Amino acid sequence: MKILKIPDNLFGIFHLNQVRKNIAIQGIKGSFHHLVAQQYFEVNIEVLECRSFMDVVKELKEGHASHAVMAIENSTAGTILPNYAMIDENQVVITGEHYVPIRMDLMTIPGRSLNDIAEVHSHPMALLQCKEFFRSQPHIKLVEDVDTAEAAQRISRNKLKNIAAIASEIAADIYGLEIIKKGIQTISNNVTRFLILENAKNEELHGNKISLKLELPNNHGNLATVLHLLSDYNLDLTKIQSLPVIETPWTYSSFIDATFQDKKELEKALSILDIMATELKVLGIYKNSRP
């Protein structure tokens, strides 16, 4: 097992300083990933726009980015399962998290109204999250796009008069579009959790939340034992997600998030888990930001 060094000052903050940071994001400026980068770092940043999450990790691994932002789960749509495997396989480290309430705004070039709109372009997930709004707008055709912000950018660049985008408020600001309807998502309390990633160079991490990957022998009751163990050492389980191990049928990796308060209890729990597991990996220790 690779256990990263747990410092005495668990609550130290090392990621927020005044050095300009290059942040890899999925999508372009104006995307929700861009919004997270701005909110989380609160310093002068440059964003590296990436077409896919794999490209995000590649920029980080090759040293072009100091950090990366990666969506991991949404309160209504669930977990982005491949991203767990991507973090594990590429040996990147989780050093932070950020939660963003997702507000979907309908926007178009200035001077247009809802009645002028024939088509709405956006990412499939954004269209899905706004489907109830469009039930009352049968004249509008919904068109899937690769990214919310890219749809907004194209409408602005080409001055498309009868096409609107669903995107974030920051996209409207960047691309000079007018929001004609705010908050059209079906569920108002819609929140996405994003992870902050770094290359696996930093051996010392700070915080009160840990992410683990755990593989157990396929024996009855093993997972229940793990959950009891976490409770016994005062680790509060916040999430558990299982993925199949492709090479070994009917074997699963469990990705676990838990908060903790005491360094010694955490170390004791990890030492026991290391004995129980066929594989145990600490994916990151960071500050709990759950609202």
Protein backbone atom coordinates (compact mmCIF):
# COMPACT_ATOMS: atom_id res chain seq x y z
CA MET A 1 0.00 0.00 0.00
CA LYS A 2 1.16 3.52 -0.74
CA ILE A 3 0.15 5.73 2.21
CA LEU A 4 0.99 9.37 1.68
CA LYS A 5 2.66 11.15 4.57
CA ILE A 6 0.09 12.56 6.99
CA PRO A 7 1.43 15.78 8.52
CA ASP A 8 0.93 16.90 12.10
CA ASN A 9 -0.90 20.02 10.87
CA LEU A 10 -3.83 18.31 9.18
CA PHE A 11 -5.59 21.58 8.47
CA GLY A 12 -2.72 23.38 6.78
CA ILE A 13 -3.52 25.11 3.49
CA PHE A 14 -0.84 24.75 0.85
CA HIS A 15 -2.70 25.15 -2.42
CA LEU A 16 -3.77 28.80 -2.18
CA ASN A 17 -0.87 31.14 -2.84
CA GLN A 18 -0.14 34.06 -5.09
CA VAL A 19 1.78 32.15 -7.76
CA ARG A 20 -0.02 32.14 -11.12
CA LYS A 21 -1.50 28.70 -11.68
CA ASN A 22 -2.24 26.85 -14.89
CA ILE A 23 -5.46 24.93 -14.35
CA ALA A 24 -6.57 22.19 -16.75
CA ILE A 25 -10.36 22.13 -17.22
CA GLN A 26 -12.74 20.07 -19.30
CA GLY A 27 -14.46 22.44 -21.72
CA ILE A 28 -13.71 26.06 -22.50
CA LYS A 29 -13.87 29.38 -20.67
CA GLY A 30 -17.38 29.93 -19.43
CA SER A 31 -17.91 26.28 -18.53
CA PHE A 32 -18.76 25.17 -15.01
CA HIS A 33 -15.21 23.78 -14.70
CA HIS A 34 -13.91 27.29 -15.43
CA LEU A 35 -16.23 28.68 -12.75
CA VAL A 36 -14.85 26.18 -10.22
CA ALA A 37 -11.25 27.12 -11.07
CA GLN A 38 -12.05 30.78 -10.44
CA GLN A 39 -13.92 30.17 -7.20
CA TYR A 40 -11.53 27.63 -5.71
CA PHE A 41 -8.17 29.27 -6.30
CA GLU A 42 -9.18 32.90 -5.83
CA VAL A 43 -5.90 34.00 -7.43
CA ASN A 44 -4.65 34.90 -10.88
CA ILE A 45 -5.07 31.76 -12.99
CA GLU A 46 -4.71 30.60 -16.58
CA VAL A 47 -6.99 27.81 -17.74
CA LEU A 48 -5.96 25.12 -20.20
CA GLU A 49 -9.06 24.19 -22.20
CA CYS A 50 -9.37 20.43 -22.79
CA ARG A 51 -11.78 18.47 -24.97
CA SER A 52 -12.08 15.52 -22.58
CA PHE A 53 -11.31 14.43 -19.03
CA MET A 54 -8.50 12.27 -20.40
CA ASP A 55 -6.93 15.36 -21.94
CA VAL A 56 -7.27 17.10 -18.55
CA VAL A 57 -5.23 14.34 -16.89
CA LYS A 58 -2.71 14.36 -19.75
CA GLU A 59 -2.04 18.09 -19.32
CA LEU A 60 -1.49 17.50 -15.61
CA LYS A 61 0.77 14.48 -16.07
CA GLU A 62 2.91 16.22 -18.70
CA GLY A 63 3.45 19.21 -16.44
CA HIS A 64 1.58 21.74 -18.56
CA ALA A 65 -0.89 22.29 -15.72
CA SER A 66 -0.16 22.72 -12.01
CA HIS A 67 -3.69 21.60 -11.07
CA ALA A 68 -6.76 20.15 -12.72
CA VAL A 69 -10.49 20.45 -12.07
CA MET A 70 -12.63 17.34 -12.60
CA ALA A 71 -16.35 16.85 -12.01
CA ILE A 72 -16.99 13.65 -10.07
CA GLU A 73 -20.68 13.60 -9.11
CA ASN A 74 -23.95 15.48 -9.36
CA SER A 75 -26.70 15.49 -6.75
CA THR A 76 -29.34 14.53 -9.32
CA ALA A 77 -27.45 12.78 -12.15
CA GLY A 78 -25.15 10.70 -9.93
CA THR A 79 -21.48 9.74 -10.19
CA ILE A 80 -19.20 10.04 -13.22
CA LEU A 81 -17.81 6.53 -12.76
CA PRO A 82 -14.97 6.57 -15.34
CA ASN A 83 -13.34 9.51 -13.56
CA TYR A 84 -12.63 7.42 -10.47
CA ALA A 85 -10.74 4.90 -12.58
CA MET A 86 -8.92 7.71 -14.41
CA ILE A 87 -7.65 9.20 -11.15
CA ASP A 88 -6.52 5.78 -9.92
CA GLU A 89 -4.82 4.63 -13.12
CA ASN A 90 -2.92 7.86 -13.74
CA GLN A 91 -1.49 8.26 -10.23
CA VAL A 92 -2.80 11.78 -9.74
CA VAL A 93 -3.66 13.02 -6.25
CA ILE A 94 -6.86 14.61 -4.95
CA THR A 95 -5.86 17.75 -3.04
CA GLY A 96 -9.23 19.51 -2.79
CA GLU A 97 -12.92 19.52 -3.59
CA HIS A 98 -15.47 22.18 -4.45
CA TYR A 99 -19.27 22.10 -4.56
CA VAL A 100 -21.15 24.32 -7.01
CA PRO A 101 -24.92 24.87 -7.20
CA ILE A 102 -25.70 24.38 -10.89
CA ARG A 103 -27.99 27.04 -12.33
CA MET A 104 -28.91 26.55 -15.96
CA ASP A 105 -29.60 29.83 -17.77
CA LEU A 106 -31.13 30.23 -21.22
CA MET A 107 -29.17 32.79 -23.27
CA THR A 108 -28.98 34.22 -26.76
CA ILE A 109 -27.75 37.29 -28.59
CA PRO A 110 -29.12 40.56 -27.18
CA GLY A 111 -32.54 41.75 -28.27
CA ARG A 112 -34.16 38.35 -28.77
CA SER A 113 -37.04 36.85 -26.78
CA LEU A 114 -38.15 33.32 -25.97
CA ASN A 115 -40.70 33.45 -28.80
CA ASP A 116 -37.88 34.08 -31.29
CA ILE A 117 -36.02 30.90 -30.39
CA ALA A 118 -36.34 27.90 -32.74
CA GLU A 119 -33.50 25.77 -31.34
CA VAL A 120 -31.64 25.38 -28.05
CA HIS A 121 -28.12 23.89 -28.08
CA SER A 122 -26.29 22.50 -25.04
CA HIS A 123 -24.58 19.50 -23.50
CA PRO A 124 -26.93 16.47 -23.28
CA MET A 125 -26.84 16.54 -19.46
CA ALA A 126 -27.87 20.20 -19.40
CA LEU A 127 -30.75 19.51 -21.79
CA LEU A 128 -31.84 16.59 -19.62
CA GLN A 129 -31.79 18.68 -16.46
CA CYS A 130 -34.04 21.29 -18.11
CA LYS A 131 -36.52 18.99 -19.85
CA GLU A 132 -39.53 20.09 -17.79
CA PHE A 133 -39.11 23.72 -18.86
CA PHE A 134 -39.19 22.77 -22.54
CA ARG A 135 -42.38 20.74 -22.21
CA SER A 136 -44.19 24.09 -22.29
CA GLN A 137 -42.14 25.24 -25.30
CA PRO A 138 -43.03 22.69 -28.01
CA HIS A 139 -41.89 25.04 -30.80
CA ILE A 140 -38.26 24.74 -29.63
CA LYS A 141 -36.01 21.97 -30.96
CA LEU A 142 -33.37 20.67 -28.53
CA VAL A 143 -29.96 19.99 -30.08
CA GLU A 144 -27.15 18.17 -28.27
CA ASP A 145 -23.75 19.88 -28.22
CA VAL A 146 -20.32 18.95 -26.87
CA ASP A 147 -20.22 21.62 -24.16
CA THR A 148 -22.48 24.27 -22.62
CA ALA A 149 -19.96 27.07 -23.04
CA GLU A 150 -19.03 26.07 -26.61
CA ALA A 151 -22.68 26.39 -27.62
CA ALA A 152 -22.77 29.88 -26.11
CA GLN A 153 -19.51 30.84 -27.80
CA ARG A 154 -20.74 29.69 -31.24
CA ILE A 155 -24.00 31.61 -30.95
CA SER A 156 -22.09 34.76 -30.05
CA ARG A 157 -19.40 34.35 -32.71
CA ASN A 158 -21.86 33.66 -35.53
CA LYS A 159 -24.59 35.99 -34.23
CA LEU A 160 -27.20 33.24 -34.52
CA LYS A 161 -30.55 34.99 -34.13
CA ASN A 162 -32.92 32.09 -33.54
CA ILE A 163 -30.73 29.78 -31.48
CA ALA A 164 -30.20 29.86 -27.73
CA ALA A 165 -27.84 28.02 -25.39
CA ILE A 166 -28.18 26.58 -21.91
CA ALA A 167 -25.06 27.53 -19.99
CA SER A 168 -23.73 29.28 -16.90
CA GLU A 169 -24.02 32.97 -16.11
CA ILE A 170 -20.26 33.29 -16.56
CA ALA A 171 -20.62 32.09 -20.17
CA ALA A 172 -23.15 34.85 -20.87
CA ASP A 173 -20.73 37.41 -19.44
CA ILE A 174 -17.73 36.15 -21.40
CA TYR A 175 -19.49 35.81 -24.77
CA GLY A 176 -21.75 38.86 -24.54
CA LEU A 177 -25.05 36.99 -24.53
CA GLU A 178 -28.29 38.02 -22.87
CA ILE A 179 -29.98 35.70 -20.38
CA ILE A 180 -33.64 35.50 -21.35
CA LYS A 181 -34.60 32.97 -18.65
CA LYS A 182 -32.69 32.24 -15.45
CA GLY A 183 -32.64 28.94 -13.59
CA ILE A 184 -34.58 26.72 -15.98
CA GLN A 185 -33.29 23.46 -14.45
CA THR A 186 -36.04 21.13 -13.23
CA ILE A 187 -34.59 20.63 -9.75
CA SER A 188 -33.60 23.87 -8.07
CA ASN A 189 -31.24 22.28 -5.54
CA ASN A 190 -28.85 20.82 -8.11
CA VAL A 191 -25.22 20.64 -6.95
CA THR A 192 -22.11 19.21 -8.60
CA ARG A 193 -19.01 18.12 -6.71
CA PHE A 194 -15.67 18.82 -8.38
CA LEU A 195 -12.25 17.46 -7.41
CA ILE A 196 -9.00 19.40 -7.49
CA LEU A 197 -6.12 17.25 -8.73
CA GLU A 198 -2.33 17.50 -8.71
CA ASN A 199 0.46 15.33 -10.00
CA ALA A 200 1.71 12.69 -7.56
CA LYS A 201 4.78 14.69 -6.59
CA ASN A 202 3.52 16.09 -3.32
CA GLU A 203 3.94 13.45 -0.61
CA GLU A 204 2.50 15.60 2.17
CA LEU A 205 -1.22 16.37 2.10
CA HIS A 206 -3.40 18.30 4.52
CA GLY A 207 -7.06 18.14 5.45
CA ASN A 208 -9.80 16.26 7.26
CA LYS A 209 -11.18 14.14 4.42
CA ILE A 210 -9.64 11.10 2.77
CA SER A 211 -10.34 9.28 -0.50
CA LEU A 212 -9.36 5.60 -0.72
CA LYS A 213 -9.36 2.83 -3.27
CA LEU A 214 -9.89 -0.56 -1.67
CA GLU A 215 -9.91 -4.08 -3.12
CA LEU A 216 -10.97 -6.88 -0.82
CA PRO A 217 -10.87 -10.68 -1.12
CA ASN A 218 -14.23 -11.94 -2.32
CA ASN A 219 -15.26 -13.24 1.11
CA HIS A 220 -18.63 -12.92 2.77
CA GLY A 221 -18.93 -9.92 5.10
CA ASN A 222 -15.65 -8.20 4.20
CA LEU A 223 -17.22 -4.91 3.16
CA ALA A 224 -19.43 -4.82 6.25
CA THR A 225 -16.29 -5.32 8.36
CA VAL A 226 -14.67 -2.35 6.65
CA LEU A 227 -17.64 -0.13 7.38
CA HIS A 228 -17.60 -1.14 11.05
CA LEU A 229 -13.86 -0.48 11.17
CA LEU A 230 -14.29 3.04 9.83
CA SER A 231 -16.94 3.71 12.45
CA ASP A 232 -14.81 2.25 15.26
CA TYR A 233 -12.01 4.70 14.44
CA ASN A 234 -14.37 7.67 14.07
CA LEU A 235 -14.14 7.99 10.30
CA ASP A 236 -17.44 9.30 8.96
CA LEU A 237 -18.24 7.64 5.63
CA THR A 238 -19.51 10.23 3.12
CA LYS A 239 -19.48 8.12 -0.04
CA ILE A 240 -18.80 4.60 -1.26
CA GLN A 241 -18.79 3.63 -4.93
CA SER A 242 -17.90 0.25 -6.43
CA LEU A 243 -16.44 -0.48 -9.85
CA PRO A 244 -15.76 -3.92 -11.35
CA VAL A 245 -12.15 -5.06 -11.72
CA ILE A 246 -12.08 -5.89 -15.43
CA GLU A 247 -9.29 -8.47 -15.18
CA THR A 248 -11.02 -10.43 -12.39
CA PRO A 249 -14.74 -11.19 -12.93
CA TRP A 250 -17.02 -10.59 -9.93
CA THR A 251 -14.32 -8.64 -8.11
CA TYR A 252 -14.85 -4.99 -7.28
CA SER A 253 -12.85 -1.96 -6.25
CA SER A 254 -14.49 0.26 -3.66
CA PHE A 255 -13.82 3.99 -3.77
CA ILE A 256 -14.43 5.45 -0.34
CA ASP A 257 -14.62 9.02 0.93
CA ALA A 258 -14.60 9.64 4.68
CA THR A 259 -14.01 12.54 7.02
CA PHE A 260 -11.85 12.27 10.15
CA GLN A 261 -10.65 14.39 13.04
CA ASP A 262 -7.76 12.49 14.60
CA LYS A 263 -4.56 11.63 12.74
CA LYS A 264 -3.66 8.67 14.98
CA GLU A 265 -7.08 7.05 14.56
CA LEU A 266 -6.79 7.47 10.80
CA GLU A 267 -3.37 5.82 10.76
CA LYS A 268 -4.64 2.88 12.86
CA ALA A 269 -7.60 2.36 10.54
CA LEU A 270 -5.34 2.43 7.48
CA SER A 271 -2.93 -0.07 8.98
CA ILE A 272 -5.77 -2.55 9.61
CA LEU A 273 -7.27 -1.97 6.17
CA ASP A 274 -3.86 -2.68 4.65
CA ILE A 275 -3.88 -6.13 6.27
CA MET A 276 -7.45 -6.87 5.14
CA ALA A 277 -7.16 -5.62 1.55
CA THR A 278 -5.53 -7.08 -1.52
CA GLU A 279 -4.96 -3.47 -2.57
CA LEU A 280 -5.24 -0.23 -0.62
CA LYS A 281 -4.40 3.16 -2.09
CA VAL A 282 -4.79 6.63 -0.64
CA LEU A 283 -6.04 8.82 -3.50
CA GLY A 284 -5.85 12.02 -1.49
CA ILE A 285 -6.23 13.85 1.80
CA TYR A 286 -7.86 17.27 1.60
CA LYS A 287 -10.18 19.72 3.30
CA ASN A 288 -13.83 18.67 3.51
CA SER A 289 -15.88 21.29 1.65
CA ARG A 290 -19.28 19.64 1.73
CA PRO A 291 -21.93 22.28 2.49
